Each structure stands twice: as structure tokens, then as C-alpha cells.
C-alpha atoms as a PDB file:
ATOM      1  CA  MET A   1       6.786  36.302  17.758  1.00  0.00           C
ATOM      2  CA  VAL A   2       7.295  38.936  20.750  1.00  0.00           C
ATOM      3  CA  PHE A   3      10.214  40.850  21.237  1.00  0.00           C
ATOM      4  CA  VAL A   4      10.962  42.842  24.772  1.00  0.00           C
ATOM      5  CA  ASN A   5      13.215  45.385  25.224  1.00  0.00           C
ATOM      6  CA  ILE A   6      14.364  46.442  29.627  1.00  0.00           C
ATOM      7  CA  ASP A   7      17.032  49.341  29.736  1.00  0.00           C
ATOM      8  CA  GLY A   8      18.789  49.101  33.145  1.00  0.00           C
ATOM      9  CA  LEU A   9      20.368  52.358  33.922  1.00  0.00           C
ATOM     10  CA  PRO A  10      22.855  53.597  36.230  1.00  0.00           C
ATOM     11  CA  PRO A  11      22.492  52.772  39.139  1.00  0.00           C
ATOM     12  CA  ALA A  12      20.792  49.594  38.131  1.00  0.00           C
ATOM     13  CA  THR A  13      22.562  47.028  38.335  1.00  0.00           C
ATOM     14  CA  ARG A  14      23.401  44.069  35.719  1.00  0.00           C
ATOM     15  CA  ALA A  15      21.795  41.131  38.552  1.00  0.00           C
ATOM     16  CA  GLU A  16      18.479  43.852  38.279  1.00  0.00           C
ATOM     17  CA  VAL A  17      18.438  43.943  34.875  1.00  0.00           C
ATOM     18  CA  GLN A  18      18.937  39.454  34.374  1.00  0.00           C
ATOM     19  CA  ALA A  19      16.250  39.807  37.673  1.00  0.00           C
ATOM     20  CA  ALA A  20      13.939  42.056  35.946  1.00  0.00           C
ATOM     21  CA  MET A  21      14.468  39.488  32.553  1.00  0.00           C
ATOM     22  CA  GLN A  22      13.457  36.767  34.082  1.00  0.00           C
ATOM     23  CA  ASP A  23       9.983  38.264  35.784  1.00  0.00           C
ATOM     24  CA  VAL A  24       9.961  38.949  32.601  1.00  0.00           C
ATOM     25  CA  GLN A  25      10.151  35.404  31.005  1.00  0.00           C
ATOM     26  CA  HIS A  26       7.865  34.234  33.922  1.00  0.00           C
ATOM     27  CA  LEU A  27       5.140  36.514  33.130  1.00  0.00           C
ATOM     28  CA  ILE A  28       4.990  35.977  29.217  1.00  0.00           C
ATOM     29  CA  GLU A  29       4.948  32.141  30.041  1.00  0.00           C
ATOM     30  CA  ALA A  30       2.290  32.194  33.078  1.00  0.00           C
ATOM     31  CA  HIS A  31      -0.019  34.372  30.915  1.00  0.00           C
ATOM     32  CA  GLY A  32       0.201  31.804  28.399  1.00  0.00           C
ATOM     33  CA  ILE A  33       1.604  34.939  25.675  1.00  0.00           C
ATOM     34  CA  GLY A  34       4.426  31.854  24.866  1.00  0.00           C
ATOM     35  CA  VAL A  35       7.726  30.704  26.026  1.00  0.00           C
ATOM     36  CA  ALA A  36      10.747  32.484  26.615  1.00  0.00           C
ATOM     37  CA  VAL A  37      13.446  31.702  24.199  1.00  0.00           C
ATOM     38  CA  GLN A  38      16.170  33.830  24.549  1.00  0.00           C
ATOM     39  CA  SER A  39      17.561  36.350  26.022  1.00  0.00           C
ATOM     40  CA  ALA A  40      20.803  38.692  26.404  1.00  0.00           C
ATOM     41  CA  VAL A  41      22.424  41.403  28.423  1.00  0.00           C
ATOM     42  CA  LEU A  42      24.011  44.501  26.169  1.00  0.00           C
ATOM     43  CA  SER A  43      26.693  46.302  27.627  1.00  0.00           C
ATOM     44  CA  ARG A  44      29.445  48.410  27.022  1.00  0.00           C
ATOM     45  CA  GLU A  45      31.808  45.186  26.784  1.00  0.00           C
ATOM     46  CA  LEU A  46      29.358  43.479  24.498  1.00  0.00           C
ATOM     47  CA  PRO A  47      27.388  46.084  22.903  1.00  0.00           C
ATOM     48  CA  SER A  48      25.320  43.127  20.857  1.00  0.00           C
ATOM     49  CA  ALA A  49      24.209  39.613  20.330  1.00  0.00           C
ATOM     50  CA  LEU A  50      23.103  37.667  17.695  1.00  0.00           C
ATOM     51  CA  LEU A  51      19.614  35.746  18.371  1.00  0.00           C
ATOM     52  CA  HIS A  52      18.018  33.421  16.609  1.00  0.00           C
ATOM     53  CA  VAL A  53      14.735  33.861  14.803  1.00  0.00           C
ATOM     54  CA  GLY A  54      12.682  30.763  13.604  1.00  0.00           C
END
């Protein structure tokens, strides 16, 4: 199991952070490391997210 954290600090936009997440997910799958099963973008409005580990 691998967890990846991507920090998007200003002036990065939400769209840029989501694009970076998609790039990392693609790289993980392309290199046979695994399959990304969940992701979440945290913000001031959404400071936490429940991720299911199974």
C-alpha cells in the first residue's frame, strides 16, 4: 500500500493540484506499482477526508 501526498500551495490552483494527482496516478499505474483507488483534495472548506483502506 502506498500513500502519496501532493501539496498545492498558493499560487497553485485546485485544477493544477488535480492535474498533478492525475499525473501521479498515471505514473503509478504505468510503472506497475499499483492502481490508485482513492484521492481527495483538501482545502480550507474541506480540511479532512475519510479514505477507506482495505
